[in-house]
Amino acid sequence: MADAPDRSRPGGVWSDFLDQADRVLLARVEEAAAAGEDSPLQNMVASMAVARRTAAQGDLGVAATSLGHCETLAQYL
């Protein structure tokens, strides 16, 4: 389980936002899997997890880089 975000740091707010985005992404991937489909969103799961975790740690540079990877992958959807 991820550490609770520290709201005294900017990363804490981003961590909350990215937690929500991660839940939505995982739900969409699971829906596709349940329908027997191979979701292209699966490629974004690891990058989103890194972004969420590093934002919670306050490392917004790494979080932004990981989100950049997600954006690149999303361009091909």
C-alpha atoms as a PDB file:
ATOM      1  CA  MET A   1       0.000   0.000   0.000  1.00  0.00           C
ATOM      2  CA  ALA A   2       1.302   3.451  -0.878  1.00  0.00           C
ATOM      3  CA  ASP A   3       2.332   5.936   1.767  1.00  0.00           C
ATOM      4  CA  ALA A   4      -0.196   8.655   2.594  1.00  0.00           C
ATOM      5  CA  PRO A   5       0.598  11.848   0.667  1.00  0.00           C
ATOM      6  CA  ASP A   6       2.252  14.650   2.583  1.00  0.00           C
ATOM      7  CA  ARG A   7       0.046  17.668   1.842  1.00  0.00           C
ATOM      8  CA  SER A   8       2.722  20.046   3.112  1.00  0.00           C
ATOM      9  CA  ARG A   9       4.701  19.269  -0.074  1.00  0.00           C
ATOM     10  CA  PRO A  10       3.458  19.927  -3.619  1.00  0.00           C
ATOM     11  CA  GLY A  11       3.868  16.243  -4.432  1.00  0.00           C
ATOM     12  CA  GLY A  12       1.194  15.330  -1.897  1.00  0.00           C
ATOM     13  CA  VAL A  13      -1.514  17.084  -3.882  1.00  0.00           C
ATOM     14  CA  TRP A  14      -0.288  15.560  -7.127  1.00  0.00           C
ATOM     15  CA  SER A  15      -0.180  12.174  -5.466  1.00  0.00           C
ATOM     16  CA  ASP A  16      -3.907  12.398  -4.677  1.00  0.00           C
ATOM     17  CA  PHE A  17      -4.672  13.371  -8.254  1.00  0.00           C
ATOM     18  CA  LEU A  18      -2.512  10.599  -9.671  1.00  0.00           C
ATOM     19  CA  ASP A  19      -4.054   8.039  -7.302  1.00  0.00           C
ATOM     20  CA  GLN A  20      -7.438   8.829  -8.845  1.00  0.00           C
ATOM     21  CA  ALA A  21      -6.058   8.678 -12.382  1.00  0.00           C
ATOM     22  CA  ASP A  22      -4.384   5.349 -11.607  1.00  0.00           C
ATOM     23  CA  ARG A  23      -7.650   3.888 -10.296  1.00  0.00           C
ATOM     24  CA  VAL A  24      -9.473   4.939 -13.474  1.00  0.00           C
ATOM     25  CA  LEU A  25      -6.710   3.553 -15.691  1.00  0.00           C
ATOM     26  CA  LEU A  26      -6.674   0.214 -13.859  1.00  0.00           C
ATOM     27  CA  ALA A  27     -10.475  -0.011 -14.027  1.00  0.00           C
ATOM     28  CA  ARG A  28     -10.398   0.499 -17.809  1.00  0.00           C
ATOM     29  CA  VAL A  29      -7.667  -2.119 -18.223  1.00  0.00           C
ATOM     30  CA  GLU A  30      -9.642  -4.579 -16.080  1.00  0.00           C
ATOM     31  CA  GLU A  31     -12.833  -3.907 -18.085  1.00  0.00           C
ATOM     32  CA  ALA A  32     -10.980  -4.692 -21.305  1.00  0.00           C
ATOM     33  CA  ALA A  33      -9.506  -7.856 -19.803  1.00  0.00           C
ATOM     34  CA  ALA A  34     -12.933  -9.003 -18.616  1.00  0.00           C
ATOM     35  CA  ALA A  35     -14.217  -8.538 -22.180  1.00  0.00           C
ATOM     36  CA  GLY A  36     -11.320 -10.631 -23.492  1.00  0.00           C
ATOM     37  CA  GLU A  37      -9.631  -7.637 -25.113  1.00  0.00           C
ATOM     38  CA  ASP A  38      -5.982  -6.649 -25.007  1.00  0.00           C
ATOM     39  CA  SER A  39      -6.098  -2.998 -23.941  1.00  0.00           C
ATOM     40  CA  PRO A  40      -3.430  -0.625 -25.257  1.00  0.00           C
ATOM     41  CA  LEU A  41      -3.865   1.197 -21.935  1.00  0.00           C
ATOM     42  CA  GLN A  42      -1.946  -1.662 -20.298  1.00  0.00           C
ATOM     43  CA  ASN A  43       1.243  -0.056 -21.619  1.00  0.00           C
ATOM     44  CA  MET A  44       0.616   2.989 -19.410  1.00  0.00           C
ATOM     45  CA  VAL A  45       0.100   1.160 -16.102  1.00  0.00           C
ATOM     46  CA  ALA A  46       3.776   0.974 -15.066  1.00  0.00           C
ATOM     47  CA  SER A  47       4.514   4.610 -15.965  1.00  0.00           C
ATOM     48  CA  MET A  48       1.436   5.788 -14.070  1.00  0.00           C
ATOM     49  CA  ALA A  49       2.487   3.764 -11.024  1.00  0.00           C
ATOM     50  CA  VAL A  50       5.939   5.379 -11.078  1.00  0.00           C
ATOM     51  CA  ALA A  51       4.384   8.846 -11.445  1.00  0.00           C
ATOM     52  CA  ARG A  52       2.020   8.224  -8.525  1.00  0.00           C
ATOM     53  CA  ARG A  53       4.709   6.803  -6.241  1.00  0.00           C
ATOM     54  CA  THR A  54       7.328   9.449  -6.955  1.00  0.00           C
ATOM     55  CA  ALA A  55       4.823  12.291  -6.580  1.00  0.00           C
ATOM     56  CA  ALA A  56       3.968  10.921  -3.132  1.00  0.00           C
ATOM     57  CA  GLN A  57       7.696  11.044  -2.338  1.00  0.00           C
ATOM     58  CA  GLY A  58       7.886  14.643  -3.536  1.00  0.00           C
ATOM     59  CA  ASP A  59       9.988  13.906  -6.623  1.00  0.00           C
ATOM     60  CA  LEU A  60       7.943  15.810  -9.175  1.00  0.00           C
ATOM     61  CA  GLY A  61      10.679  15.658 -11.803  1.00  0.00           C
ATOM     62  CA  VAL A  62      10.466  11.878 -12.056  1.00  0.00           C
ATOM     63  CA  ALA A  63       6.667  12.045 -11.826  1.00  0.00           C
ATOM     64  CA  ALA A  64       6.543  14.490 -14.741  1.00  0.00           C
ATOM     65  CA  THR A  65       8.866  12.308 -16.817  1.00  0.00           C
ATOM     66  CA  SER A  66       6.660   9.277 -16.195  1.00  0.00           C
ATOM     67  CA  LEU A  67       3.575  11.258 -17.167  1.00  0.00           C
ATOM     68  CA  GLY A  68       5.397  12.272 -20.340  1.00  0.00           C
ATOM     69  CA  HIS A  69       5.757   8.580 -21.168  1.00  0.00           C
ATOM     70  CA  CYS A  70       2.016   8.143 -20.590  1.00  0.00           C
ATOM     71  CA  GLU A  71       1.294  11.076 -22.882  1.00  0.00           C
ATOM     72  CA  THR A  72       3.475   9.607 -25.622  1.00  0.00           C
ATOM     73  CA  LEU A  73       1.686   6.270 -25.370  1.00  0.00           C
ATOM     74  CA  ALA A  74      -1.722   7.972 -25.348  1.00  0.00           C
ATOM     75  CA  GLN A  75      -0.924   9.693 -28.647  1.00  0.00           C
ATOM     76  CA  TYR A  76      -1.015   6.299 -30.339  1.00  0.00           C
ATOM     77  CA  LEU A  77      -4.472   5.332 -29.046  1.00  0.00           C
END
